[in-house]
Amino acid sequence: FHDFFRRYKPPTLIVWGRHDPFFTVQG
């Protein structure tokens, strides 16, 4: 997945609920 990001550079929007107890803001 990381190689895909670096190679193809898709325009990316990230919206993140910061209080998510499962997937953290570090992710």
mmCIF file of all heavy atoms, coordinates in Angstrom:
data_MODEL
# 
_entry.id   MODEL 
# 
loop_
_atom_site.group_PDB 
_atom_site.id 
_atom_site.type_symbol 
_atom_site.label_atom_id 
_atom_site.label_alt_id 
_atom_site.label_comp_id 
_atom_site.label_asym_id 
_atom_site.label_entity_id 
_atom_site.label_seq_id 
_atom_site.pdbx_PDB_ins_code 
_atom_site.Cartn_x 
_atom_site.Cartn_y 
_atom_site.Cartn_z 
_atom_site.occupancy 
_atom_site.B_iso_or_equiv 
_atom_site.pdbx_formal_charge 
_atom_site.auth_seq_id 
_atom_site.auth_comp_id 
_atom_site.auth_asym_id 
_atom_site.auth_atom_id 
_atom_site.pdbx_PDB_model_num 
ATOM 1   N N   . PHE A 1 1  ? 0.837   -1.198 0.000   1.00 0.00 ? 1  PHE A N   1 
ATOM 2   C CA  . PHE A 1 1  ? 0.000   0.000  0.000   1.00 0.00 ? 1  PHE A CA  1 
ATOM 3   C C   . PHE A 1 1  ? 0.876   1.254  0.000   1.00 0.00 ? 1  PHE A C   1 
ATOM 4   O O   . PHE A 1 1  ? 0.626   2.207  -0.752  1.00 0.00 ? 1  PHE A O   1 
ATOM 5   C CB  . PHE A 1 1  ? -0.906  0.036  1.237   1.00 0.00 ? 1  PHE A CB  1 
ATOM 6   C CG  . PHE A 1 1  ? -1.928  -1.065 1.325   1.00 0.00 ? 1  PHE A CG  1 
ATOM 7   C CD1 . PHE A 1 1  ? -2.541  -1.353 2.535   1.00 0.00 ? 1  PHE A CD1 1 
ATOM 8   C CD2 . PHE A 1 1  ? -2.294  -1.803 0.215   1.00 0.00 ? 1  PHE A CD2 1 
ATOM 9   C CE1 . PHE A 1 1  ? -3.499  -2.345 2.639   1.00 0.00 ? 1  PHE A CE1 1 
ATOM 10  C CE2 . PHE A 1 1  ? -3.255  -2.822 0.300   1.00 0.00 ? 1  PHE A CE2 1 
ATOM 11  C CZ  . PHE A 1 1  ? -3.847  -3.087 1.528   1.00 0.00 ? 1  PHE A CZ  1 
ATOM 12  N N   . HIS A 1 2  ? 1.927   1.242  0.828   1.00 0.00 ? 2  HIS A N   1 
ATOM 13  C CA  . HIS A 1 2  ? 2.803   2.416  0.928   1.00 0.00 ? 2  HIS A CA  1 
ATOM 14  C C   . HIS A 1 2  ? 3.526   2.657  -0.392  1.00 0.00 ? 2  HIS A C   1 
ATOM 15  O O   . HIS A 1 2  ? 3.703   3.817  -0.804  1.00 0.00 ? 2  HIS A O   1 
ATOM 16  C CB  . HIS A 1 2  ? 3.816   2.215  2.058   1.00 0.00 ? 2  HIS A CB  1 
ATOM 17  C CG  . HIS A 1 2  ? 3.182   1.877  3.370   1.00 0.00 ? 2  HIS A CG  1 
ATOM 18  N ND1 . HIS A 1 2  ? 3.875   1.300  4.411   1.00 0.00 ? 2  HIS A ND1 1 
ATOM 19  C CD2 . HIS A 1 2  ? 1.897   2.045  3.817   1.00 0.00 ? 2  HIS A CD2 1 
ATOM 20  C CE1 . HIS A 1 2  ? 3.053   1.108  5.428   1.00 0.00 ? 2  HIS A CE1 1 
ATOM 21  N NE2 . HIS A 1 2  ? 1.860   1.550  5.093   1.00 0.00 ? 2  HIS A NE2 1 
ATOM 22  N N   . ASP A 1 3  ? 3.926   1.592  -1.054  1.00 0.00 ? 3  ASP A N   1 
ATOM 23  C CA  . ASP A 1 3  ? 4.572   1.734  -2.353  1.00 0.00 ? 3  ASP A CA  1 
ATOM 24  C C   . ASP A 1 3  ? 3.600   2.331  -3.375  1.00 0.00 ? 3  ASP A C   1 
ATOM 25  O O   . ASP A 1 3  ? 3.998   3.173  -4.190  1.00 0.00 ? 3  ASP A O   1 
ATOM 26  C CB  . ASP A 1 3  ? 5.086   0.376  -2.832  1.00 0.00 ? 3  ASP A CB  1 
ATOM 27  C CG  . ASP A 1 3  ? 5.792   0.469  -4.173  1.00 0.00 ? 3  ASP A CG  1 
ATOM 28  O OD1 . ASP A 1 3  ? 6.882   1.062  -4.226  1.00 0.00 ? 3  ASP A OD1 1 
ATOM 29  O OD2 . ASP A 1 3  ? 5.242   -0.042 -5.183  1.00 0.00 ? 3  ASP A OD2 1 
ATOM 30  N N   . PHE A 1 4  ? 2.348   1.918  -3.314  1.00 0.00 ? 4  PHE A N   1 
ATOM 31  C CA  . PHE A 1 4  ? 1.331   2.507  -4.198  1.00 0.00 ? 4  PHE A CA  1 
ATOM 32  C C   . PHE A 1 4  ? 1.216   4.010  -3.946  1.00 0.00 ? 4  PHE A C   1 
ATOM 33  O O   . PHE A 1 4  ? 1.174   4.806  -4.895  1.00 0.00 ? 4  PHE A O   1 
ATOM 34  C CB  . PHE A 1 4  ? -0.018  1.823  -3.974  1.00 0.00 ? 4  PHE A CB  1 
ATOM 35  C CG  . PHE A 1 4  ? -1.185  2.578  -4.556  1.00 0.00 ? 4  PHE A CG  1 
ATOM 36  C CD1 . PHE A 1 4  ? -1.458  2.529  -5.912  1.00 0.00 ? 4  PHE A CD1 1 
ATOM 37  C CD2 . PHE A 1 4  ? -2.005  3.370  -3.742  1.00 0.00 ? 4  PHE A CD2 1 
ATOM 38  C CE1 . PHE A 1 4  ? -2.523  3.244  -6.456  1.00 0.00 ? 4  PHE A CE1 1 
ATOM 39  C CE2 . PHE A 1 4  ? -3.064  4.076  -4.275  1.00 0.00 ? 4  PHE A CE2 1 
ATOM 40  C CZ  . PHE A 1 4  ? -3.327  4.008  -5.637  1.00 0.00 ? 4  PHE A CZ  1 
ATOM 41  N N   . PHE A 1 5  ? 1.183   4.409  -2.680  1.00 0.00 ? 5  PHE A N   1 
ATOM 42  C CA  . PHE A 1 5  ? 1.083   5.839  -2.373  1.00 0.00 ? 5  PHE A CA  1 
ATOM 43  C C   . PHE A 1 5  ? 2.257   6.604  -2.975  1.00 0.00 ? 5  PHE A C   1 
ATOM 44  O O   . PHE A 1 5  ? 2.077   7.649  -3.617  1.00 0.00 ? 5  PHE A O   1 
ATOM 45  C CB  . PHE A 1 5  ? 1.078   6.063  -0.857  1.00 0.00 ? 5  PHE A CB  1 
ATOM 46  C CG  . PHE A 1 5  ? -0.070  5.428  -0.119  1.00 0.00 ? 5  PHE A CG  1 
ATOM 47  C CD1 . PHE A 1 5  ? 0.081   5.047  1.213   1.00 0.00 ? 5  PHE A CD1 1 
ATOM 48  C CD2 . PHE A 1 5  ? -1.295  5.213  -0.726  1.00 0.00 ? 5  PHE A CD2 1 
ATOM 49  C CE1 . PHE A 1 5  ? -0.964  4.475  1.912   1.00 0.00 ? 5  PHE A CE1 1 
ATOM 50  C CE2 . PHE A 1 5  ? -2.355  4.633  -0.040  1.00 0.00 ? 5  PHE A CE2 1 
ATOM 51  C CZ  . PHE A 1 5  ? -2.178  4.257  1.296   1.00 0.00 ? 5  PHE A CZ  1 
ATOM 52  N N   . ARG A 1 6  ? 3.476   6.089  -2.749  1.00 0.00 ? 6  ARG A N   1 
ATOM 53  C CA  . ARG A 1 6  ? 4.675   6.804  -3.213  1.00 0.00 ? 6  ARG A CA  1 
ATOM 54  C C   . ARG A 1 6  ? 4.775   6.812  -4.731  1.00 0.00 ? 6  ARG A C   1 
ATOM 55  O O   . ARG A 1 6  ? 5.198   7.810  -5.332  1.00 0.00 ? 6  ARG A O   1 
ATOM 56  C CB  . ARG A 1 6  ? 5.926   6.165  -2.614  1.00 0.00 ? 6  ARG A CB  1 
ATOM 57  C CG  . ARG A 1 6  ? 6.066   6.336  -1.105  1.00 0.00 ? 6  ARG A CG  1 
ATOM 58  C CD  . ARG A 1 6  ? 7.425   5.865  -0.633  1.00 0.00 ? 6  ARG A CD  1 
ATOM 59  N NE  . ARG A 1 6  ? 7.635   4.445  -0.890  1.00 0.00 ? 6  ARG A NE  1 
ATOM 60  C CZ  . ARG A 1 6  ? 7.375   3.468  -0.027  1.00 0.00 ? 6  ARG A CZ  1 
ATOM 61  N NH1 . ARG A 1 6  ? 6.867   3.757  1.158   1.00 0.00 ? 6  ARG A NH1 1 
ATOM 62  N NH2 . ARG A 1 6  ? 7.621   2.217  -0.341  1.00 0.00 ? 6  ARG A NH2 1 
ATOM 63  N N   . ARG A 1 7  ? 4.393   5.722  -5.347  1.00 0.00 ? 7  ARG A N   1 
ATOM 64  C CA  . ARG A 1 7  ? 4.579   5.587  -6.793  1.00 0.00 ? 7  ARG A CA  1 
ATOM 65  C C   . ARG A 1 7  ? 3.535   6.365  -7.583  1.00 0.00 ? 7  ARG A C   1 
ATOM 66  O O   . ARG A 1 7  ? 3.855   7.032  -8.574  1.00 0.00 ? 7  ARG A O   1 
ATOM 67  C CB  . ARG A 1 7  ? 4.533   4.111  -7.173  1.00 0.00 ? 7  ARG A CB  1 
ATOM 68  C CG  . ARG A 1 7  ? 4.783   3.837  -8.640  1.00 0.00 ? 7  ARG A CG  1 
ATOM 69  C CD  . ARG A 1 7  ? 4.835   2.335  -8.904  1.00 0.00 ? 7  ARG A CD  1 
ATOM 70  N NE  . ARG A 1 7  ? 5.079   2.036  -10.302 1.00 0.00 ? 7  ARG A NE  1 
ATOM 71  C CZ  . ARG A 1 7  ? 5.089   0.799  -10.816 1.00 0.00 ? 7  ARG A CZ  1 
ATOM 72  N NH1 . ARG A 1 7  ? 4.876   -0.249 -10.025 1.00 0.00 ? 7  ARG A NH1 1 
ATOM 73  N NH2 . ARG A 1 7  ? 5.310   0.612  -12.095 1.00 0.00 ? 7  ARG A NH2 1 
ATOM 74  N N   . TYR A 1 8  ? 2.270   6.298  -7.153  1.00 0.00 ? 8  TYR A N   1 
ATOM 75  C CA  . TYR A 1 8  ? 1.195   6.890  -7.955  1.00 0.00 ? 8  TYR A CA  1 
ATOM 76  C C   . TYR A 1 8  ? 0.723   8.234  -7.410  1.00 0.00 ? 8  TYR A C   1 
ATOM 77  O O   . TYR A 1 8  ? 0.043   8.982  -8.120  1.00 0.00 ? 8  TYR A O   1 
ATOM 78  C CB  . TYR A 1 8  ? 0.022   5.906  -8.057  1.00 0.00 ? 8  TYR A CB  1 
ATOM 79  C CG  . TYR A 1 8  ? 0.382   4.699  -8.889  1.00 0.00 ? 8  TYR A CG  1 
ATOM 80  C CD1 . TYR A 1 8  ? 0.819   3.523  -8.287  1.00 0.00 ? 8  TYR A CD1 1 
ATOM 81  C CD2 . TYR A 1 8  ? 0.329   4.739  -10.280 1.00 0.00 ? 8  TYR A CD2 1 
ATOM 82  C CE1 . TYR A 1 8  ? 1.182   2.414  -9.042  1.00 0.00 ? 8  TYR A CE1 1 
ATOM 83  C CE2 . TYR A 1 8  ? 0.680   3.639  -11.050 1.00 0.00 ? 8  TYR A CE2 1 
ATOM 84  C CZ  . TYR A 1 8  ? 1.112   2.480  -10.426 1.00 0.00 ? 8  TYR A CZ  1 
ATOM 85  O OH  . TYR A 1 8  ? 1.476   1.393  -11.182 1.00 0.00 ? 8  TYR A OH  1 
ATOM 86  N N   . LYS A 1 9  ? 1.038   8.542  -6.160  1.00 0.00 ? 9  LYS A N   1 
ATOM 87  C CA  . LYS A 1 9  ? 0.732   9.843  -5.572  1.00 0.00 ? 9  LYS A CA  1 
ATOM 88  C C   . LYS A 1 9  ? -0.710  10.289 -5.820  1.00 0.00 ? 9  LYS A C   1 
ATOM 89  O O   . LYS A 1 9  ? -0.961  11.386 -6.342  1.00 0.00 ? 9  LYS A O   1 
ATOM 90  C CB  . LYS A 1 9  ? 1.695   10.905 -6.094  1.00 0.00 ? 9  LYS A CB  1 
ATOM 91  C CG  . LYS A 1 9  ? 3.162   10.640 -5.771  1.00 0.00 ? 9  LYS A CG  1 
ATOM 92  C CD  . LYS A 1 9  ? 4.059   11.726 -6.360  1.00 0.00 ? 9  LYS A CD  1 
ATOM 93  C CE  . LYS A 1 9  ? 5.508   11.526 -5.955  1.00 0.00 ? 9  LYS A CE  1 
ATOM 94  N NZ  . LYS A 1 9  ? 6.066   10.250 -6.437  1.00 0.00 ? 9  LYS A NZ  1 
ATOM 95  N N   . PRO A 1 10 ? -1.687  9.474  -5.456  1.00 0.00 ? 10 PRO A N   1 
ATOM 96  C CA  . PRO A 1 10 ? -3.073  9.919  -5.666  1.00 0.00 ? 10 PRO A CA  1 
ATOM 97  C C   . PRO A 1 10 ? -3.375  11.144 -4.821  1.00 0.00 ? 10 PRO A C   1 
ATOM 98  O O   . PRO A 1 10 ? -2.975  11.216 -3.647  1.00 0.00 ? 10 PRO A O   1 
ATOM 99  C CB  . PRO A 1 10 ? -3.897  8.712  -5.185  1.00 0.00 ? 10 PRO A CB  1 
ATOM 100 C CG  . PRO A 1 10 ? -3.007  8.020  -4.196  1.00 0.00 ? 10 PRO A CG  1 
ATOM 101 C CD  . PRO A 1 10 ? -1.613  8.187  -4.730  1.00 0.00 ? 10 PRO A CD  1 
ATOM 102 N N   . PRO A 1 11 ? -4.045  12.145 -5.379  1.00 0.00 ? 11 PRO A N   1 
ATOM 103 C CA  . PRO A 1 11 ? -4.504  13.261 -4.538  1.00 0.00 ? 11 PRO A CA  1 
ATOM 104 C C   . PRO A 1 11 ? -5.308  12.703 -3.372  1.00 0.00 ? 11 PRO A C   1 
ATOM 105 O O   . PRO A 1 11 ? -6.219  11.886 -3.564  1.00 0.00 ? 11 PRO A O   1 
ATOM 106 C CB  . PRO A 1 11 ? -5.373  14.081 -5.490  1.00 0.00 ? 11 PRO A CB  1 
ATOM 107 C CG  . PRO A 1 11 ? -4.852  13.754 -6.862  1.00 0.00 ? 11 PRO A CG  1 
ATOM 108 C CD  . PRO A 1 11 ? -4.449  12.318 -6.792  1.00 0.00 ? 11 PRO A CD  1 
ATOM 109 N N   . THR A 1 12 ? -4.973  13.122 -2.153  1.00 0.00 ? 12 THR A N   1 
ATOM 110 C CA  . THR A 1 12 ? -5.516  12.463 -0.971  1.00 0.00 ? 12 THR A CA  1 
ATOM 111 C C   . THR A 1 12 ? -6.074  13.460 0.031   1.00 0.00 ? 12 THR A C   1 
ATOM 112 O O   . THR A 1 12 ? -5.420  14.443 0.371   1.00 0.00 ? 12 THR A O   1 
ATOM 113 C CB  . THR A 1 12 ? -4.419  11.605 -0.289  1.00 0.00 ? 12 THR A CB  1 
ATOM 114 O OG1 . THR A 1 12 ? -3.956  10.621 -1.213  1.00 0.00 ? 12 THR A OG1 1 
ATOM 115 C CG2 . THR A 1 12 ? -4.951  10.920 0.958   1.00 0.00 ? 12 THR A CG2 1 
ATOM 116 N N   . LEU A 1 13 ? -7.293  13.163 0.476   1.00 0.00 ? 13 LEU A N   1 
ATOM 117 C CA  . LEU A 1 13 ? -7.949  13.889 1.563   1.00 0.00 ? 13 LEU A CA  1 
ATOM 118 C C   . LEU A 1 13 ? -8.122  12.910 2.718   1.00 0.00 ? 13 LEU A C   1 
ATOM 119 O O   . LEU A 1 13 ? -8.647  11.804 2.535   1.00 0.00 ? 13 LEU A O   1 
ATOM 120 C CB  . LEU A 1 13 ? -9.313  14.405 1.110   1.00 0.00 ? 13 LEU A CB  1 
ATOM 121 C CG  . LEU A 1 13 ? -10.235 14.964 2.198   1.00 0.00 ? 13 LEU A CG  1 
ATOM 122 C CD1 . LEU A 1 13 ? -9.665  16.255 2.787   1.00 0.00 ? 13 LEU A CD1 1 
ATOM 123 C CD2 . LEU A 1 13 ? -11.640 15.195 1.646   1.00 0.00 ? 13 LEU A CD2 1 
ATOM 124 N N   . ILE A 1 14 ? -7.674  13.310 3.918   1.00 0.00 ? 14 ILE A N   1 
ATOM 125 C CA  . ILE A 1 14 ? -7.839  12.491 5.111   1.00 0.00 ? 14 ILE A CA  1 
ATOM 126 C C   . ILE A 1 14 ? -8.709  13.254 6.099   1.00 0.00 ? 14 ILE A C   1 
ATOM 127 O O   . ILE A 1 14 ? -8.394  14.392 6.466   1.00 0.00 ? 14 ILE A O   1 
ATOM 128 C CB  . ILE A 1 14 ? -6.480  12.171 5.764   1.00 0.00 ? 14 ILE A CB  1 
ATOM 129 C CG1 . ILE A 1 14 ? -5.552  11.476 4.762   1.00 0.00 ? 14 ILE A CG1 1 
ATOM 130 C CG2 . ILE A 1 14 ? -6.670  11.288 7.003   1.00 0.00 ? 14 ILE A CG2 1 
ATOM 131 C CD1 . ILE A 1 14 ? -4.107  11.384 5.228   1.00 0.00 ? 14 ILE A CD1 1 
ATOM 132 N N   . VAL A 1 15 ? -9.826  12.661 6.511   1.00 0.00 ? 15 VAL A N   1 
ATOM 133 C CA  . VAL A 1 15 ? -10.675 13.225 7.569   1.00 0.00 ? 15 VAL A CA  1 
ATOM 134 C C   . VAL A 1 15 ? -10.756 12.167 8.661   1.00 0.00 ? 15 VAL A C   1 
ATOM 135 O O   . VAL A 1 15 ? -11.076 11.012 8.398   1.00 0.00 ? 15 VAL A O   1 
ATOM 136 C CB  . VAL A 1 15 ? -12.070 13.618 7.039   1.00 0.00 ? 15 VAL A CB  1 
ATOM 137 C CG1 . VAL A 1 15 ? -11.975 14.842 6.151   1.00 0.00 ? 15 VAL A CG1 1 
ATOM 138 C CG2 . VAL A 1 15 ? -12.744 12.483 6.285   1.00 0.00 ? 15 VAL A CG2 1 
ATOM 139 N N   . TRP A 1 16 ? -10.454 12.544 9.887   1.00 0.00 ? 16 TRP A N   1 
ATOM 140 C CA  . TRP A 1 16 ? -10.230 11.546 10.932  1.00 0.00 ? 16 TRP A CA  1 
ATOM 141 C C   . TRP A 1 16 ? -10.892 11.949 12.236  1.00 0.00 ? 16 TRP A C   1 
ATOM 142 O O   . TRP A 1 16 ? -10.601 13.016 12.790  1.00 0.00 ? 16 TRP A O   1 
ATOM 143 C CB  . TRP A 1 16 ? -8.721  11.402 11.158  1.00 0.00 ? 16 TRP A CB  1 
ATOM 144 C CG  . TRP A 1 16 ? -8.296  10.074 11.699  1.00 0.00 ? 16 TRP A CG  1 
ATOM 145 C CD1 . TRP A 1 16 ? -8.267  9.694  13.014  1.00 0.00 ? 16 TRP A CD1 1 
ATOM 146 C CD2 . TRP A 1 16 ? -7.821  8.955  10.945  1.00 0.00 ? 16 TRP A CD2 1 
ATOM 147 N NE1 . TRP A 1 16 ? -7.803  8.404  13.119  1.00 0.00 ? 16 TRP A NE1 1 
ATOM 148 C CE2 . TRP A 1 16 ? -7.509  7.922  11.865  1.00 0.00 ? 16 TRP A CE2 1 
ATOM 149 C CE3 . TRP A 1 16 ? -7.611  8.727  9.586   1.00 0.00 ? 16 TRP A CE3 1 
ATOM 150 C CZ2 . TRP A 1 16 ? -7.025  6.680  11.455  1.00 0.00 ? 16 TRP A CZ2 1 
ATOM 151 C CZ3 . TRP A 1 16 ? -7.120  7.497  9.183   1.00 0.00 ? 16 TRP A CZ3 1 
ATOM 152 C CH2 . TRP A 1 16 ? -6.838  6.486  10.116  1.00 0.00 ? 16 TRP A CH2 1 
ATOM 153 N N   . GLY A 1 17 ? -11.783 11.106 12.723  1.00 0.00 ? 17 GLY A N   1 
ATOM 154 C CA  . GLY A 1 17 ? -12.336 11.306 14.057  1.00 0.00 ? 17 GLY A CA  1 
ATOM 155 C C   . GLY A 1 17 ? -11.255 11.057 15.092  1.00 0.00 ? 17 GLY A C   1 
ATOM 156 O O   . GLY A 1 17 ? -10.812 9.927  15.272  1.00 0.00 ? 17 GLY A O   1 
ATOM 157 N N   . ARG A 1 18 ? -10.836 12.090 15.773  1.00 0.00 ? 18 ARG A N   1 
ATOM 158 C CA  . ARG A 1 18 ? -9.642  12.003 16.617  1.00 0.00 ? 18 ARG A CA  1 
ATOM 159 C C   . ARG A 1 18 ? -9.859  11.180 17.879  1.00 0.00 ? 18 ARG A C   1 
ATOM 160 O O   . ARG A 1 18 ? -8.904  10.794 18.553  1.00 0.00 ? 18 ARG A O   1 
ATOM 161 C CB  . ARG A 1 18 ? -9.125  13.392 16.965  1.00 0.00 ? 18 ARG A CB  1 
ATOM 162 C CG  . ARG A 1 18 ? -10.024 14.237 17.818  1.00 0.00 ? 18 ARG A CG  1 
ATOM 163 C CD  . ARG A 1 18 ? -9.394  15.604 18.113  1.00 0.00 ? 18 ARG A CD  1 
ATOM 164 N NE  . ARG A 1 18 ? -8.053  15.460 18.636  1.00 0.00 ? 18 ARG A NE  1 
ATOM 165 C CZ  . ARG A 1 18 ? -6.929  15.836 17.996  1.00 0.00 ? 18 ARG A CZ  1 
ATOM 166 N NH1 . ARG A 1 18 ? -7.023  16.396 16.801  1.00 0.00 ? 18 ARG A NH1 1 
ATOM 167 N NH2 . ARG A 1 18 ? -5.760  15.667 18.544  1.00 0.00 ? 18 ARG A NH2 1 
ATOM 168 N N   . HIS A 1 19 ? -11.108 10.877 18.243  1.00 0.00 ? 19 HIS A N   1 
ATOM 169 C CA  . HIS A 1 19 ? -11.384 10.099 19.446  1.00 0.00 ? 19 HIS A CA  1 
ATOM 170 C C   . HIS A 1 19 ? -11.647 8.626  19.126  1.00 0.00 ? 19 HIS A C   1 
ATOM 171 O O   . HIS A 1 19 ? -12.143 7.900  20.001  1.00 0.00 ? 19 HIS A O   1 
ATOM 172 C CB  . HIS A 1 19 ? -12.584 10.692 20.197  1.00 0.00 ? 19 HIS A CB  1 
ATOM 173 C CG  . HIS A 1 19 ? -12.409 12.129 20.563  1.00 0.00 ? 19 HIS A CG  1 
ATOM 174 N ND1 . HIS A 1 19 ? -11.424 12.570 21.433  1.00 0.00 ? 19 HIS A ND1 1 
ATOM 175 C CD2 . HIS A 1 19 ? -13.084 13.243 20.157  1.00 0.00 ? 19 HIS A CD2 1 
ATOM 176 C CE1 . HIS A 1 19 ? -11.511 13.885 21.561  1.00 0.00 ? 19 HIS A CE1 1 
ATOM 177 N NE2 . HIS A 1 19 ? -12.506 14.310 20.800  1.00 0.00 ? 19 HIS A NE2 1 
ATOM 178 N N   . ASP A 1 20 ? -11.329 8.205  17.937  1.00 0.00 ? 20 ASP A N   1 
ATOM 179 C CA  . ASP A 1 20 ? -11.526 6.810  17.534  1.00 0.00 ? 20 ASP A CA  1 
ATOM 180 C C   . ASP A 1 20 ? -10.713 5.902  18.455  1.00 0.00 ? 20 ASP A C   1 
ATOM 181 O O   . ASP A 1 20 ? -9.481  6.010  18.503  1.00 0.00 ? 20 ASP A O   1 
ATOM 182 C CB  . ASP A 1 20 ? -11.078 6.638  16.080  1.00 0.00 ? 20 ASP A CB  1 
ATOM 183 C CG  . ASP A 1 20 ? -11.440 5.288  15.496  1.00 0.00 ? 20 ASP A CG  1 
ATOM 184 O OD1 . ASP A 1 20 ? -11.588 4.310  16.264  1.00 0.00 ? 20 ASP A OD1 1 
ATOM 185 O OD2 . ASP A 1 20 ? -11.559 5.200  14.259  1.00 0.00 ? 20 ASP A OD2 1 
ATOM 186 N N   . PRO A 1 21 ? -11.351 4.973  19.193  1.00 0.00 ? 21 PRO A N   1 
ATOM 187 C CA  . PRO A 1 21 ? -10.582 4.104  20.083  1.00 0.00 ? 21 PRO A CA  1 
ATOM 188 C C   . PRO A 1 21 ? -9.948  2.920  19.376  1.00 0.00 ? 21 PRO A C   1 
ATOM 189 O O   . PRO A 1 21 ? -9.192  2.172  19.998  1.00 0.00 ? 21 PRO A O   1 
ATOM 190 C CB  . PRO A 1 21 ? -11.639 3.622  21.085  1.00 0.00 ? 21 PRO A CB  1 
ATOM 191 C CG  . PRO A 1 21 ? -12.905 3.620  20.297  1.00 0.00 ? 21 PRO A CG  1 
ATOM 192 C CD  . PRO A 1 21 ? -12.797 4.785  19.342  1.00 0.00 ? 21 PRO A CD  1 
ATOM 193 N N   . PHE A 1 22 ? -10.227 2.759  18.097  1.00 0.00 ? 22 PHE A N   1 
ATOM 194 C CA  . PHE A 1 22 ? -9.720  1.608  17.340  1.00 0.00 ? 22 PHE A CA  1 
ATOM 195 C C   . PHE A 1 22 ? -8.586  2.003  16.396  1.00 0.00 ? 22 PHE A C   1 
ATOM 196 O O   . PHE A 1 22 ? -7.546  1.347  16.355  1.00 0.00 ? 22 PHE A O   1 
ATOM 197 C CB  . PHE A 1 22 ? -10.863 0.963  16.550  1.00 0.00 ? 22 PHE A CB  1 
ATOM 198 C CG  . PHE A 1 22 ? -12.096 0.740  17.372  1.00 0.00 ? 22 PHE A CG  1 
ATOM 199 C CD1 . PHE A 1 22 ? -13.231 1.534  17.198  1.00 0.00 ? 22 PHE A CD1 1 
ATOM 200 C CD2 . PHE A 1 22 ? -12.128 -0.245 18.357  1.00 0.00 ? 22 PHE A CD2 1 
ATOM 201 C CE1 . PHE A 1 22 ? -14.362 1.337  17.964  1.00 0.00 ? 22 PHE A CE1 1 
ATOM 202 C CE2 . PHE A 1 22 ? -13.261 -0.452 19.127  1.00 0.00 ? 22 PHE A CE2 1 
ATOM 203 C CZ  . PHE A 1 22 ? -14.387 0.343  18.935  1.00 0.00 ? 22 PHE A CZ  1 
ATOM 204 N N   . PHE A 1 23 ? -8.783  3.076  15.637  1.00 0.00 ? 23 PHE A N   1 
ATOM 205 C CA  . PHE A 1 23 ? -7.776  3.580  14.701  1.00 0.00 ? 23 PHE A CA  1 
ATOM 206 C C   . PHE A 1 23 ? -7.338  4.961  15.187  1.00 0.00 ? 23 PHE A C   1 
ATOM 207 O O   . PHE A 1 23 ? -8.106  5.924  15.130  1.00 0.00 ? 23 PHE A O   1 
ATOM 208 C CB  . PHE A 1 23 ? -8.334  3.659  13.281  1.00 0.00 ? 23 PHE A CB  1 
ATOM 209 C CG  . PHE A 1 23 ? -8.690  2.325  12.690  1.00 0.00 ? 23 PHE A CG  1 
ATOM 210 C CD1 . PHE A 1 23 ? -9.883  2.150  12.011  1.00 0.00 ? 23 PHE A CD1 1 
ATOM 211 C CD2 . PHE A 1 23 ? -7.832  1.242  12.801  1.00 0.00 ? 23 PHE A CD2 1 
ATOM 212 C CE1 . PHE A 1 23 ? -10.214 0.916  11.455  1.00 0.00 ? 23 PHE A CE1 1 
ATOM 213 C CE2 . PHE A 1 23 ? -8.149  0.006  12.247  1.00 0.00 ? 23 PHE A CE2 1 
ATOM 214 C CZ  . PHE A 1 23 ? -9.346  -0.151 11.585  1.00 0.00 ? 23 PHE A CZ  1 
ATOM 215 N N   . THR A 1 24 ? -6.106  5.063  15.643  1.00 0.00 ? 24 THR A N   1 
ATOM 216 C CA  . THR A 1 24 ? -5.640  6.257  16.338  1.00 0.00 ? 24 THR A CA  1 
ATOM 217 C C   . THR A 1 24 ? -5.200  7.351  15.375  1.00 0.00 ? 24 THR A C   1 
ATOM 218 O O   . THR A 1 24 ? -4.989  7.108  14.176  1.00 0.00 ? 24 THR A O   1 
ATOM 219 C CB  . THR A 1 24 ? -4.462  5.906  17.255  1.00 0.00 ? 24 THR A CB  1 
ATOM 220 O OG1 . THR A 1 24 ? -3.324  5.572  16.430  1.00 0.00 ? 24 THR A OG1 1 
ATOM 221 C CG2 . THR A 1 24 ? -4.787  4.730  18.151  1.00 0.00 ? 24 THR A CG2 1 
ATOM 222 N N   . VAL A 1 25 ? -4.998  8.548  15.932  1.00 0.00 ? 25 VAL A N   1 
ATOM 223 C CA  . VAL A 1 25 ? -4.518  9.664  15.122  1.00 0.00 ? 25 VAL A CA  1 
ATOM 224 C C   . VAL A 1 25 ? -3.115  9.393  14.581  1.00 0.00 ? 25 VAL A C   1 
ATOM 225 O O   . VAL A 1 25 ? -2.722  9.964  13.556  1.00 0.00 ? 25 VAL A O   1 
ATOM 226 C CB  . VAL A 1 25 ? -4.543  10.976 15.926  1.00 0.00 ? 25 VAL A CB  1 
ATOM 227 C CG1 . VAL A 1 25 ? -5.966  11.372 16.247  1.00 0.00 ? 25 VAL A CG1 1 
ATOM 228 C CG2 . VAL A 1 25 ? -3.711  10.869 17.193  1.00 0.00 ? 25 VAL A CG2 1 
ATOM 229 N N   . GLN A 1 26 ? -2.352  8.525  15.240  1.00 0.00 ? 26 GLN A N   1 
ATOM 230 C CA  . GLN A 1 26 ? -1.032  8.168  14.703  1.00 0.00 ? 26 GLN A CA  1 
ATOM 231 C C   . GLN A 1 26 ? -1.170  7.493  13.336  1.00 0.00 ? 26 GLN A C   1 
ATOM 232 O O   . GLN A 1 26 ? -0.317  7.654  12.467  1.00 0.00 ? 26 GLN A O   1 
ATOM 233 C CB  . GLN A 1 26 ? -0.290  7.253  15.671  1.00 0.00 ? 26 GLN A CB  1 
ATOM 234 C CG  . GLN A 1 26 ? 0.230   7.949  16.923  1.00 0.00 ? 26 GLN A CG  1 
ATOM 235 C CD  . GLN A 1 26 ? -0.851  8.192  17.959  1.00 0.00 ? 26 GLN A CD  1 
ATOM 236 O OE1 . GLN A 1 26 ? -1.932  7.610  17.891  1.00 0.00 ? 26 GLN A OE1 1 
ATOM 237 N NE2 . GLN A 1 26 ? -0.555  9.042  18.942  1.00 0.00 ? 26 GLN A NE2 1 
ATOM 238 N N   . GLY A 1 27 ? -2.263  6.764  13.156  1.00 0.00 ? 27 GLY A N   1 
ATOM 239 C CA  . GLY A 1 27 ? -2.513  6.159  11.856  1.00 0.00 ? 27 GLY A CA  1 
ATOM 240 C C   . GLY A 1 27 ? -2.823  7.181  10.787  1.00 0.00 ? 27 GLY A C   1 
ATOM 241 O O   . GLY A 1 27 ? -2.458  7.011  9.622   1.00 0.00 ? 27 GLY A O   1 
# 
